[in-house]
Structure formats: structure tokens, C-alpha cells
C-alpha atoms as a PDB file:
ATOM      1  CA  MET A   1      77.425 209.301 128.817  1.00  0.00           C
ATOM      2  CA  VAL A   2      79.893 208.048 131.124  1.00  0.00           C
ATOM      3  CA  HIS A   3      79.731 209.026 134.882  1.00  0.00           C
ATOM      4  CA  LEU A   4      82.615 208.738 136.682  1.00  0.00           C
ATOM      5  CA  GLN A   5      82.891 209.197 140.793  1.00  0.00           C
ATOM      6  CA  ILE A   6      85.392 211.705 141.561  1.00  0.00           C
ATOM      7  CA  CYS A   7      85.330 209.272 144.985  1.00  0.00           C
ATOM      8  CA  ALA A   8      86.774 206.670 142.677  1.00  0.00           C
ATOM      9  CA  VAL A   9      89.734 208.593 141.779  1.00  0.00           C
ATOM     10  CA  LEU A  10      90.549 209.875 145.035  1.00  0.00           C
ATOM     11  CA  TYR A  11      89.924 207.638 147.045  1.00  0.00           C
ATOM     12  CA  PRO A  12      89.896 204.376 144.800  1.00  0.00           C
ATOM     13  CA  ARG A  13      89.600 200.419 146.305  1.00  0.00           C
ATOM     14  CA  ASP A  14      91.855 198.991 147.765  1.00  0.00           C
ATOM     15  CA  ALA A  15      90.446 195.455 147.265  1.00  0.00           C
ATOM     16  CA  LYS A  16      92.699 194.936 144.296  1.00  0.00           C
ATOM     17  CA  GLU A  17      96.473 195.564 143.803  1.00  0.00           C
ATOM     18  CA  ASN A  18      95.717 198.491 141.186  1.00  0.00           C
ATOM     19  CA  GLY A  19      93.605 200.256 143.889  1.00  0.00           C
ATOM     20  CA  LYS A  20      96.731 199.146 146.448  1.00  0.00           C
ATOM     21  CA  LEU A  21      99.248 201.088 144.224  1.00  0.00           C
ATOM     22  CA  LEU A  22      97.034 204.394 142.799  1.00  0.00           C
ATOM     23  CA  GLN A  23      96.341 204.845 146.874  1.00  0.00           C
ATOM     24  CA  LEU A  24     100.176 204.020 147.925  1.00  0.00           C
ATOM     25  CA  LYS A  25     101.489 206.300 145.135  1.00  0.00           C
ATOM     26  CA  GLN A  26      98.636 209.380 145.751  1.00  0.00           C
ATOM     27  CA  GLN A  27     100.005 208.914 149.696  1.00  0.00           C
ATOM     28  CA  PHE A  28     103.362 208.577 148.445  1.00  0.00           C
ATOM     29  CA  PHE A  29     103.188 211.849 145.989  1.00  0.00           C
ATOM     30  CA  GLN A  30     101.622 214.141 148.772  1.00  0.00           C
ATOM     31  CA  CYS A  31     103.855 213.335 151.607  1.00  0.00           C
ATOM     32  CA  SER A  32     107.043 213.604 148.811  1.00  0.00           C
ATOM     33  CA  ALA A  33     105.266 217.049 147.721  1.00  0.00           C
ATOM     34  CA  SER A  34     105.091 218.351 151.310  1.00  0.00           C
ATOM     35  CA  LEU A  35     108.030 217.603 152.729  1.00  0.00           C
ATOM     36  CA  GLN A  36     110.033 218.874 149.602  1.00  0.00           C
ATOM     37  CA  ASP A  37     108.377 222.027 149.560  1.00  0.00           C
ATOM     38  CA  ILE A  38     108.630 222.064 153.520  1.00  0.00           C
ATOM     39  CA  ILE A  39     113.084 221.743 153.371  1.00  0.00           C
ATOM     40  CA  PHE A  40     112.989 224.551 150.049  1.00  0.00           C
ATOM     41  CA  ARG A  41     111.351 226.625 152.219  1.00  0.00           C
ATOM     42  CA  SER A  42     113.167 226.032 155.035  1.00  0.00           C
ATOM     43  CA  LYS A  43     116.385 227.054 153.233  1.00  0.00           C
ATOM     44  CA  GLU A  44     114.908 229.227 151.528  1.00  0.00           C
ATOM     45  CA  ARG A  45     114.847 231.937 154.416  1.00  0.00           C
ATOM     46  CA  LYS A  46     118.075 230.568 155.434  1.00  0.00           C
ATOM     47  CA  LEU A  47     120.009 231.479 152.282  1.00  0.00           C
ATOM     48  CA  GLY A  48     121.660 235.023 152.582  1.00  0.00           C
ATOM     49  CA  LYS A  49     121.194 234.617 156.958  1.00  0.00           C
ATOM     50  CA  GLY A  50     124.315 232.451 157.244  1.00  0.00           C
ATOM     51  CA  SER A  51     125.006 228.964 156.877  1.00  0.00           C
ATOM     52  CA  TRP A  52     122.611 226.173 156.495  1.00  0.00           C
ATOM     53  CA  GLN A  53     123.081 223.839 159.434  1.00  0.00           C
ATOM     54  CA  TRP A  54     120.549 220.476 159.454  1.00  0.00           C
ATOM     55  CA  SER A  55     120.655 219.920 162.949  1.00  0.00           C
ATOM     56  CA  GLU A  56     118.326 223.232 163.029  1.00  0.00           C
ATOM     57  CA  PHE A  57     115.664 221.561 161.091  1.00  0.00           C
ATOM     58  CA  PRO A  58     113.413 219.925 163.952  1.00  0.00           C
ATOM     59  CA  SER A  59     113.785 223.336 166.154  1.00  0.00           C
ATOM     60  CA  LYS A  60     112.091 225.033 163.437  1.00  0.00           C
ATOM     61  CA  VAL A  61     109.858 222.176 161.403  1.00  0.00           C
ATOM     62  CA  ALA A  62     107.565 219.997 163.279  1.00  0.00           C
ATOM     63  CA  VAL A  63     105.931 217.146 160.875  1.00  0.00           C
ATOM     64  CA  GLN A  64     102.726 216.097 162.574  1.00  0.00           C
ATOM     65  CA  MET A  65     101.033 213.217 161.287  1.00  0.00           C
ATOM     66  CA  ASN A  66      97.116 212.587 162.812  1.00  0.00           C
ATOM     67  CA  ASP A  67      96.581 209.455 160.949  1.00  0.00           C
ATOM     68  CA  THR A  68      97.592 206.421 159.115  1.00  0.00           C
ATOM     69  CA  HIS A  69      98.026 207.719 155.578  1.00  0.00           C
ATOM     70  CA  PRO A  70     101.233 210.615 155.761  1.00  0.00           C
ATOM     71  CA  THR A  71     103.183 208.022 157.199  1.00  0.00           C
ATOM     72  CA  LEU A  72     104.909 207.524 154.620  1.00  0.00           C
ATOM     73  CA  ALA A  73     106.420 211.472 155.662  1.00  0.00           C
ATOM     74  CA  ILE A  74     108.949 209.248 157.694  1.00  0.00           C
ATOM     75  CA  LEU A  75     110.650 207.351 155.199  1.00  0.00           C
ATOM     76  CA  GLU A  76     110.701 209.656 152.868  1.00  0.00           C
ATOM     77  CA  LEU A  77     112.422 212.258 154.973  1.00  0.00           C
ATOM     78  CA  MET A  78     114.896 209.711 155.599  1.00  0.00           C
ATOM     79  CA  ARG A  79     115.266 209.465 151.591  1.00  0.00           C
ATOM     80  CA  LEU A  80     115.326 212.864 151.083  1.00  0.00           C
ATOM     81  CA  LEU A  81     117.848 213.471 153.818  1.00  0.00           C
ATOM     82  CA  MET A  82     120.434 210.901 152.496  1.00  0.00           C
ATOM     83  CA  ASP A  83     119.708 210.578 148.915  1.00  0.00           C
ATOM     84  CA  GLU A  84     118.938 213.970 147.994  1.00  0.00           C
ATOM     85  CA  GLU A  85     120.448 216.280 150.726  1.00  0.00           C
ATOM     86  CA  GLY A  86     123.452 213.503 151.295  1.00  0.00           C
ATOM     87  CA  LEU A  87     123.137 212.990 155.146  1.00  0.00           C
ATOM     88  CA  GLY A  88     124.439 209.892 156.420  1.00  0.00           C
ATOM     89  CA  TRP A  89     121.825 207.137 157.953  1.00  0.00           C
ATOM     90  CA  ASP A  90     122.510 208.624 162.296  1.00  0.00           C
ATOM     91  CA  GLU A  91     122.405 212.399 161.027  1.00  0.00           C
ATOM     92  CA  ALA A  92     119.375 211.614 159.137  1.00  0.00           C
ATOM     93  CA  TRP A  93     117.452 209.280 161.494  1.00  0.00           C
ATOM     94  CA  ASP A  94     118.367 211.820 164.487  1.00  0.00           C
ATOM     95  CA  ILE A  95     116.534 214.715 162.480  1.00  0.00           C
ATOM     96  CA  THR A  96     113.814 212.274 161.375  1.00  0.00           C
ATOM     97  CA  THR A  97     112.871 211.463 164.721  1.00  0.00           C
ATOM     98  CA  ARG A  98     113.122 215.498 166.477  1.00  0.00           C
ATOM     99  CA  THR A  99     110.694 216.101 163.244  1.00  0.00           C
ATOM    100  CA  ALA A 100     108.237 213.801 163.127  1.00  0.00           C
ATOM    101  CA  ALA A 101     105.396 213.094 165.520  1.00  0.00           C
ATOM    102  CA  TYR A 102     102.551 210.689 165.368  1.00  0.00           C
ATOM    103  CA  THR A 103      99.569 210.245 166.945  1.00  0.00           C
ATOM    104  CA  TYR A 104      96.210 208.827 166.144  1.00  0.00           C
ATOM    105  CA  HIS A 105      92.665 208.222 167.708  1.00  0.00           C
ATOM    106  CA  THR A 106      92.945 204.519 167.887  1.00  0.00           C
ATOM    107  CA  VAL A 107      95.172 201.690 168.370  1.00  0.00           C
ATOM    108  CA  LEU A 108      92.364 199.045 166.331  1.00  0.00           C
ATOM    109  CA  PRO A 109      93.936 196.663 163.745  1.00  0.00           C
ATOM    110  CA  GLU A 110      91.051 197.254 161.491  1.00  0.00           C
ATOM    111  CA  ALA A 111      92.017 201.108 162.065  1.00  0.00           C
ATOM    112  CA  LEU A 112      95.621 200.710 161.269  1.00  0.00           C
ATOM    113  CA  GLU A 113      96.750 201.118 157.664  1.00  0.00           C
ATOM    114  CA  ASN A 114      98.596 198.577 156.388  1.00  0.00           C
ATOM    115  CA  TRP A 115     100.796 197.554 153.176  1.00  0.00           C
ATOM    116  CA  SER A 116     102.073 194.159 151.719  1.00  0.00           C
ATOM    117  CA  GLN A 117     106.237 193.988 151.248  1.00  0.00           C
ATOM    118  CA  ALA A 118     105.213 193.160 147.962  1.00  0.00           C
ATOM    119  CA  VAL A 119     103.274 196.262 147.548  1.00  0.00           C
ATOM    120  CA  ILE A 120     106.148 198.483 149.057  1.00  0.00           C
ATOM    121  CA  TRP A 121     109.042 196.952 146.746  1.00  0.00           C
ATOM    122  CA  LYS A 122     107.050 197.798 144.004  1.00  0.00           C
ATOM    123  CA  LEU A 123     106.071 201.003 144.217  1.00  0.00           C
ATOM    124  CA  LEU A 124     108.538 202.438 146.770  1.00  0.00           C
ATOM    125  CA  PRO A 125     112.215 199.988 146.580  1.00  0.00           C
ATOM    126  CA  ARG A 126     114.323 202.374 148.219  1.00  0.00           C
ATOM    127  CA  HIS A 127     111.552 203.244 151.125  1.00  0.00           C
ATOM    128  CA  MET A 128     111.326 199.430 151.703  1.00  0.00           C
ATOM    129  CA  GLU A 129     115.077 199.128 151.857  1.00  0.00           C
ATOM    130  CA  ILE A 130     115.320 201.928 154.944  1.00  0.00           C
ATOM    131  CA  ILE A 131     111.904 199.843 156.426  1.00  0.00           C
ATOM    132  CA  GLU A 132     114.175 197.370 156.600  1.00  0.00           C
ATOM    133  CA  GLU A 133     117.049 198.828 158.369  1.00  0.00           C
ATOM    134  CA  ILE A 134     114.571 200.534 160.673  1.00  0.00           C
ATOM    135  CA  ASP A 135     113.548 197.253 161.609  1.00  0.00           C
ATOM    136  CA  GLU A 136     117.082 195.602 162.200  1.00  0.00           C
ATOM    137  CA  ILE A 137     118.197 198.429 164.227  1.00  0.00           C
ATOM    138  CA  HIS A 138     114.841 198.419 166.575  1.00  0.00           C
ATOM    139  CA  CYS A 139     115.361 194.436 166.945  1.00  0.00           C
ATOM    140  CA  LYS A 140     119.064 194.988 167.772  1.00  0.00           C
ATOM    141  CA  ASP A 141     118.161 197.812 170.222  1.00  0.00           C
ATOM    142  CA  THR A 142     115.015 195.514 171.927  1.00  0.00           C
ATOM    143  CA  GLN A 143     116.932 192.388 172.111  1.00  0.00           C
ATOM    144  CA  GLY A 144     117.434 191.224 175.747  1.00  0.00           C
ATOM    145  CA  THR A 145     114.897 193.382 176.877  1.00  0.00           C
ATOM    146  CA  THR A 146     111.428 192.583 178.180  1.00  0.00           C
END
């Protein structure tokens, strides 16, 4: 008889790449499904009550992340807004930054989750492109400041 520990599936060990990929897949699935549902319900409620305006979205929706696991939601919201909804970078970034908020109980490096670029490129290449664009913009914005 084979005994399968449910925690091995729900929270796989991340010492090896397969475990890291499974964790990232799980986190992505949860973030994407949640955001797609939020967008769908927001649009559904607006139907018949006038035209849909993305500019209203942040005043109606708040995505509060209280751990490092759901932070993929920022990248996924950007992807959904640009790739699925057809918004440009500036409008998508404005909506995302006004919709998403993040708090966490610690800033200790060992408590913060991190992923190698290789793992993200392998599983979520579009999200890695968005990360690189955010990084480039941030670096440009902070050049020359102390």
C-alpha cells in the first residue's frame, strides 16, 4: 500500500527544480484564477449599467497580498490587462499599482520567497518580460537619486 502525504503535493519540497516548478505553478494558478474571476465579476456587474471603464477598477477592487506567495498577482494582473484586455503598459501599470497592495510581517531575507530567473523564464516567460520592464523603469527612475 502506497501512502501519499497530502502535504507533499500541496506544498512540495523546493530543494530540486521539479519542486520549485510545482510550487510556482501552484502559485501562478491561484493568482491567475483569482484575478480572472475578479475581472470577470467586475465586468459582469457593470453590464447593463453603462460602459466598462478600466479607470474605475482600482476604486472598486483591492488586491491585498500579505505574504510572498501571491505576489505573482502583480505580474499576472499586468499580463491580463495588456495581453487579454488590450491595455497599454502605462494604463495597465497605473491600474495595477492602484489595485495591488503588499504587506508582510518581516523583511528578513530567509523569510522572503525568491525565484531564479531561469525558473521563471522556463515556466512564465511573459511574466519575466514584465519583470524586466518593471526593473528597467525602476532603474531609470532611481538613477541619480540617493
